[in-house]
């Protein structure tokens, strides 16, 4: 027992007047593990409490992430105090880490700072529907290094935080979820255009997802090659492309039904071919003359 005590009290690290024994190291490890588990547990408890309040998900993530960082930062200094290690002992290590960050971890640091800017300024929030290049999806989480986006096809995409700040991003729900969408339809020439406008307005008025204010609008767009082209513009509250597709689909179903009931024909591409009969007769006569000459 005395021998074990001597081993535990034997200095392993000596720095100036500071001696760190094996007992202090083991005690520091146990203290770090217990305190770290407490910080993680308390952060989860804080998240649960905040979720029951009226805070938005992005604010909850910002507060819990800040709590974790501050908690581990305080824990680090508490361990140093427990081991009687002066901060001067880390002067050289801090310089080496600074050089390493400057040369080898620029992207990591850039994404880390960008993540905090996103959570603090909130140009992009959890639940927002984004359009980034060819990618469209809903933000599920904003982490330290990257942002997780669920695309409209259900696939998860990890986007570096710096890309969201350095590139052009379309946020459909930055201020609100008010979105305008359109349905284009072509009717046959000769149709009653005033009746067509009434039917399109009726289809929009009957759709519960279409807002009354701002009002919907019907535009006579063009005299097309095969149709009279109309555009129905409606305003809706939608947070994703899928919601807009469903609304447009319901409008098209109703428009088709109303047009059938009122004998309005939806046009389709067609071409009129005019044949000059005199040319065909002349061509046939030439062939007949050639045949007679050959037989003679």
Protein backbone atom coordinates (compact mmCIF):
# COMPACT_ATOMS: atom_id res chain seq x y z
CA UNK A 1 0.00 0.00 0.00
CA UNK A 2 2.84 2.32 0.88
CA UNK A 3 4.52 1.48 -2.40
CA UNK A 4 1.34 2.32 -4.37
CA UNK A 5 1.10 5.61 -2.51
CA UNK A 6 4.68 6.44 -3.40
CA UNK A 7 4.01 5.65 -7.06
CA UNK A 8 0.93 7.85 -7.14
CA UNK A 9 2.80 10.73 -5.48
CA UNK A 10 5.82 10.48 -7.76
CA UNK A 11 6.18 13.63 -9.91
CA UNK A 12 5.75 12.82 -13.61
CA UNK A 13 5.83 16.35 -15.03
CA UNK A 14 8.03 19.08 -13.64
CA UNK A 15 7.70 22.67 -14.84
CA UNK A 16 9.58 25.25 -12.78
CA UNK A 17 8.24 24.99 -9.25
CA UNK A 18 5.22 22.97 -10.38
CA UNK A 19 5.23 19.18 -9.92
CA UNK A 20 2.38 17.11 -11.37
CA UNK A 21 2.02 13.65 -9.86
CA UNK A 22 0.30 10.57 -11.21
CA UNK A 23 -2.44 11.03 -8.61
CA UNK A 24 -3.15 14.54 -9.88
CA UNK A 25 -3.27 13.30 -13.48
CA UNK A 26 -5.69 10.47 -12.66
CA UNK A 27 -7.81 12.78 -10.52
CA UNK A 28 -7.81 15.36 -13.31
CA UNK A 29 -8.96 12.75 -15.82
CA UNK A 30 -11.82 11.63 -13.57
CA UNK A 31 -12.78 15.24 -12.86
CA UNK A 32 -12.71 16.11 -16.59
CA UNK A 33 -14.89 13.12 -17.53
CA UNK A 34 -17.45 13.77 -14.79
CA UNK A 35 -17.57 17.52 -15.41
CA UNK A 36 -17.74 17.01 -19.19
CA UNK A 37 -20.67 14.61 -18.83
CA UNK A 38 -22.38 17.15 -16.57
CA UNK A 39 -21.93 19.92 -19.14
CA UNK A 40 -23.37 17.71 -21.91
CA UNK A 41 -26.28 16.58 -19.72
CA UNK A 42 -27.08 20.11 -18.61
CA UNK A 43 -26.96 21.36 -22.24
CA UNK A 44 -29.52 18.71 -23.22
CA UNK A 45 -31.68 19.71 -20.26
CA UNK A 46 -31.40 23.35 -21.36
CA UNK A 47 -32.45 22.38 -24.90
CA UNK A 48 -35.50 20.53 -23.60
CA UNK A 49 -36.51 23.51 -21.46
CA UNK A 50 -36.08 25.92 -24.36
CA UNK A 51 -38.07 23.67 -26.72
CA UNK A 52 -41.04 23.99 -24.37
CA UNK A 53 -40.82 27.77 -24.64
CA UNK A 54 -41.59 30.03 -27.60
CA UNK A 55 -38.00 30.19 -28.86
CA UNK A 56 -37.39 29.28 -32.50
CA UNK A 57 -35.21 26.22 -33.29
CA UNK A 58 -32.26 28.31 -34.53
CA UNK A 59 -32.23 30.40 -31.32
CA UNK A 60 -32.34 27.22 -29.26
CA UNK A 61 -29.37 25.83 -31.17
CA UNK A 62 -27.45 29.08 -30.76
CA UNK A 63 -28.00 29.16 -26.99
CA UNK A 64 -27.19 25.49 -26.41
CA UNK A 65 -24.10 25.67 -28.64
CA UNK A 66 -22.86 28.76 -26.78
CA UNK A 67 -23.54 27.05 -23.45
CA UNK A 68 -21.47 24.02 -24.50
CA UNK A 69 -18.53 26.12 -25.64
CA UNK A 70 -18.53 28.28 -22.51
CA UNK A 71 -18.93 25.19 -20.32
CA UNK A 72 -15.95 23.38 -21.82
CA UNK A 73 -13.92 26.59 -21.82
CA UNK A 74 -14.53 27.01 -18.08
CA UNK A 75 -13.83 23.30 -17.54
CA UNK A 76 -10.45 23.66 -19.25
CA UNK A 77 -9.34 26.40 -16.85
CA UNK A 78 -10.72 24.49 -13.88
CA UNK A 79 -8.58 21.48 -14.82
CA UNK A 80 -5.51 23.73 -15.12
CA UNK A 81 -6.28 25.19 -11.69
CA UNK A 82 -6.79 21.70 -10.28
CA UNK A 83 -3.39 20.59 -11.58
CA UNK A 84 -1.68 23.85 -10.54
CA UNK A 85 -0.53 24.41 -14.13
CA UNK A 86 0.22 28.07 -14.97
CA UNK A 87 -0.98 29.44 -18.28
CA UNK A 88 2.60 30.38 -19.15
CA UNK A 89 3.25 26.68 -19.67
CA UNK A 90 1.03 26.79 -22.75
CA UNK A 91 2.71 29.78 -24.33
CA UNK A 92 4.77 27.71 -26.73
CA UNK A 93 1.88 25.33 -27.47
CA UNK A 94 -0.43 28.26 -28.16
CA UNK A 95 2.07 29.71 -30.62
CA UNK A 96 2.36 26.39 -32.43
CA UNK A 97 -1.43 26.04 -32.58
CA UNK A 98 -1.74 29.58 -33.95
CA UNK A 99 0.76 28.79 -36.70
CA UNK A 100 -1.06 25.55 -37.50
CA UNK A 101 -4.38 27.35 -37.74
CA UNK A 102 -2.84 30.02 -39.94
CA UNK A 103 -1.40 27.55 -42.45
CA UNK A 104 -3.40 24.34 -42.27
CA UNK A 105 -6.81 25.05 -40.83
CA UNK A 106 -7.98 28.15 -42.66
CA UNK A 107 -11.04 26.45 -44.14
CA UNK A 108 -12.05 24.92 -40.81
CA UNK A 109 -11.72 28.26 -39.05
CA UNK A 110 -13.57 30.01 -41.88
CA UNK A 111 -16.48 27.56 -41.67
CA UNK A 112 -16.50 27.78 -37.87
CA UNK A 113 -16.75 31.58 -37.88
CA UNK A 114 -19.30 31.45 -40.72
CA UNK A 115 -21.43 29.06 -38.67
CA UNK A 116 -21.54 31.50 -35.76
CA UNK A 117 -22.38 34.37 -38.12
CA UNK A 118 -25.27 32.34 -39.54
CA UNK A 119 -26.60 31.54 -36.07
CA UNK A 120 -26.14 35.09 -34.78
CA UNK A 121 -27.33 37.22 -37.73
CA UNK A 122 -29.88 34.58 -38.80
CA UNK A 123 -29.96 35.22 -42.56
CA UNK A 124 -30.66 31.49 -42.75
CA UNK A 125 -32.71 29.75 -40.07
CA UNK A 126 -33.68 26.19 -39.30
CA UNK A 127 -36.79 25.37 -41.32
CA UNK A 128 -36.02 27.83 -44.13
CA UNK A 129 -36.38 26.65 -47.72
CA UNK A 130 -33.23 27.48 -49.69
CA UNK A 131 -32.24 27.47 -53.33
CA UNK A 132 -28.47 27.17 -53.76
CA UNK A 133 -27.55 26.69 -57.41
CA UNK A 134 -29.34 23.53 -58.55
CA UNK A 135 -30.02 22.46 -54.96
CA UNK A 136 -33.36 23.09 -53.28
CA UNK A 137 -34.13 21.97 -49.77
CA UNK A 138 -35.06 22.72 -46.17
CA UNK A 139 -32.48 23.62 -43.51
CA UNK A 140 -32.49 21.03 -40.73
CA UNK A 141 -29.51 22.16 -38.64
CA UNK A 142 -26.70 24.72 -38.63
CA UNK A 143 -23.63 23.07 -37.12
CA UNK A 144 -20.15 24.35 -36.36
CA UNK A 145 -18.63 23.40 -39.71
CA UNK A 146 -21.53 22.79 -42.07
CA UNK A 147 -25.27 23.19 -42.55
CA UNK A 148 -27.46 20.14 -43.12
CA UNK A 149 -30.08 20.57 -45.85
CA UNK A 150 -32.75 18.06 -46.78
CA UNK A 151 -33.33 18.26 -50.52
CA UNK A 152 -36.78 18.02 -52.06
CA UNK A 153 -36.04 14.40 -53.05
CA UNK A 154 -35.33 13.49 -49.41
CA UNK A 155 -31.53 13.29 -49.70
CA UNK A 156 -29.50 15.07 -47.00
CA UNK A 157 -26.82 17.49 -48.15
CA UNK A 158 -23.99 18.98 -46.06
CA UNK A 159 -23.05 22.48 -47.24
CA UNK A 160 -19.98 24.28 -45.77
CA UNK A 161 -21.09 27.33 -43.80
CA UNK A 162 -18.73 29.60 -45.73
CA UNK A 163 -20.49 28.67 -49.01
CA UNK A 164 -23.77 30.03 -47.66
CA UNK A 165 -22.16 33.40 -46.93
CA UNK A 166 -19.91 33.70 -49.99
CA UNK A 167 -22.39 32.56 -52.66
CA UNK A 168 -25.80 33.78 -53.75
CA UNK A 169 -28.52 31.91 -51.84
CA UNK A 170 -32.24 32.26 -52.48
CA UNK A 171 -34.11 32.04 -49.19
CA UNK A 172 -37.79 31.54 -49.96
CA UNK A 173 -38.81 32.06 -46.34
CA UNK A 174 -36.40 34.78 -45.15
CA UNK A 175 -39.13 37.29 -44.22
CA UNK A 176 -42.32 35.26 -44.60
CA UNK A 177 -43.74 32.31 -46.54
CA UNK A 178 -45.65 34.41 -49.06
CA UNK A 179 -44.88 33.09 -52.55
CA UNK A 180 -46.38 33.72 -55.98
CA UNK A 181 -46.80 30.85 -58.40
CA UNK A 182 -48.35 30.54 -61.85
CA UNK A 183 -50.31 28.10 -64.00
CA UNK A 184 -50.10 28.48 -67.78
CA UNK A 185 -52.84 27.11 -70.04
CA UNK A 186 -53.53 27.41 -73.76
CA UNK A 187 -57.03 27.28 -75.27
CA UNK A 188 -58.06 26.75 -78.87
CA UNK A 189 -58.51 29.68 -81.23
CA UNK A 190 -62.13 30.79 -81.35
CA UNK A 191 -62.68 30.29 -77.60
CA UNK A 192 -64.55 32.96 -75.61
CA UNK A 193 -61.59 34.66 -73.90
CA UNK A 194 -63.79 36.46 -71.37
CA UNK A 195 -65.32 33.14 -70.35
CA UNK A 196 -61.86 31.64 -70.06
CA UNK A 197 -60.83 34.42 -67.68
CA UNK A 198 -63.94 33.85 -65.55
CA UNK A 199 -63.26 30.12 -65.30
CA UNK A 200 -59.62 30.65 -64.33
CA UNK A 201 -60.65 33.13 -61.63
CA UNK A 202 -63.25 30.64 -60.40
CA UNK A 203 -60.65 27.86 -60.14
CA UNK A 204 -58.36 30.13 -58.11
CA UNK A 205 -61.19 31.31 -55.82
CA UNK A 206 -62.22 27.74 -55.03
CA UNK A 207 -58.69 26.68 -54.03
CA UNK A 208 -58.41 27.04 -50.26
CA UNK A 209 -54.62 27.48 -50.35
CA UNK A 210 -54.84 30.51 -52.66
CA UNK A 211 -54.84 33.80 -50.77
CA UNK A 212 -57.47 36.49 -51.28
CA UNK A 213 -54.92 39.21 -50.50
CA UNK A 214 -52.80 39.72 -52.56
CA UNK A 215 -55.47 38.85 -55.15
CA UNK A 216 -54.94 36.37 -57.96
CA UNK A 217 -54.74 37.62 -61.53
CA UNK A 218 -55.38 36.26 -65.03
CA UNK A 219 -53.21 37.48 -67.91
CA UNK A 220 -53.82 36.97 -71.63
CA UNK A 221 -50.18 36.32 -72.46
CA UNK A 222 -49.97 35.70 -76.19
CA UNK A 223 -51.44 34.56 -79.47
CA UNK A 224 -49.46 31.35 -79.74
CA UNK A 225 -48.82 29.19 -82.77
CA UNK A 226 -51.55 26.75 -81.77
CA UNK A 227 -53.29 28.34 -78.78
CA UNK A 228 -54.41 31.45 -76.97
CA UNK A 229 -52.06 31.49 -73.97
CA UNK A 230 -53.33 32.51 -70.51
CA UNK A 231 -51.42 32.72 -67.20
CA UNK A 232 -53.07 32.44 -63.80
CA UNK A 233 -50.95 34.08 -61.05
CA UNK A 234 -51.82 33.20 -57.45
CA UNK A 235 -50.30 33.99 -54.06
CA UNK A 236 -49.92 31.27 -51.46
CA UNK A 237 -48.14 30.50 -48.20
CA UNK A 238 -45.64 27.77 -48.96
CA UNK A 239 -42.39 26.74 -47.35
CA UNK A 240 -41.16 24.29 -49.97
CA UNK A 241 -41.26 23.53 -53.68
CA UNK A 242 -43.37 20.45 -53.02
CA UNK A 243 -46.15 22.57 -51.56
CA UNK A 244 -46.20 24.77 -54.65
CA UNK A 245 -46.32 21.76 -56.95
CA UNK A 246 -49.30 20.35 -55.07
CA UNK A 247 -51.16 23.66 -55.27
CA UNK A 248 -50.44 24.01 -59.00
CA UNK A 249 -51.59 20.43 -59.53
CA UNK A 250 -54.91 21.05 -57.74
CA UNK A 251 -55.44 24.18 -59.82
CA UNK A 252 -54.83 22.27 -63.06
CA UNK A 253 -57.28 19.53 -62.03
CA UNK A 254 -59.98 22.12 -61.36
CA UNK A 255 -59.24 24.11 -64.52
CA UNK A 256 -59.52 20.98 -66.67
CA UNK A 257 -62.84 20.09 -65.03
CA UNK A 258 -64.28 23.59 -65.50
CA UNK A 259 -63.14 23.76 -69.12
CA UNK A 260 -64.80 20.40 -69.88
CA UNK A 261 -68.04 21.50 -68.24
CA UNK A 262 -68.10 24.74 -70.27
CA UNK A 263 -66.89 23.29 -73.61
CA UNK A 264 -63.60 25.18 -73.58
CA UNK A 265 -60.99 23.21 -75.52
CA UNK A 266 -57.44 23.07 -74.20
CA UNK A 267 -55.26 23.46 -77.27
CA UNK A 268 -52.51 21.10 -78.34
CA UNK A 269 -49.68 21.61 -80.88
CA UNK A 270 -50.93 21.20 -84.44
CA UNK A 271 -50.03 22.27 -87.95
CA UNK A 272 -52.18 22.86 -91.05
CA UNK A 273 -50.72 21.47 -94.27
CA UNK A 274 -52.03 22.97 -97.56
CA UNK A 275 -51.40 20.96 -100.76
CA UNK A 276 -51.51 22.64 -104.20
CA UNK A 277 -53.48 20.19 -106.39
CA UNK A 278 -52.31 21.72 -109.68
CA UNK A 279 -48.69 20.85 -108.87
CA UNK A 280 -49.63 17.22 -108.15
CA UNK A 281 -51.61 16.96 -111.41
CA UNK A 282 -48.73 18.49 -113.39
CA UNK A 283 -46.28 16.06 -111.76
CA UNK A 284 -48.56 13.10 -112.55
CA UNK A 285 -48.94 14.25 -116.18
CA UNK A 286 -45.18 14.42 -116.62
CA UNK A 287 -44.79 10.88 -115.34
CA UNK A 288 -47.52 9.67 -117.74
CA UNK A 289 -45.78 11.28 -120.72
CA UNK A 290 -42.48 9.72 -119.72
CA UNK A 291 -44.19 6.32 -119.54
CA UNK A 292 -45.68 6.67 -123.03
CA UNK A 293 -42.34 7.65 -124.51
CA UNK A 294 -40.66 4.67 -122.91
CA UNK A 295 -43.30 2.25 -124.24
CA UNK A 296 -43.01 3.65 -127.75
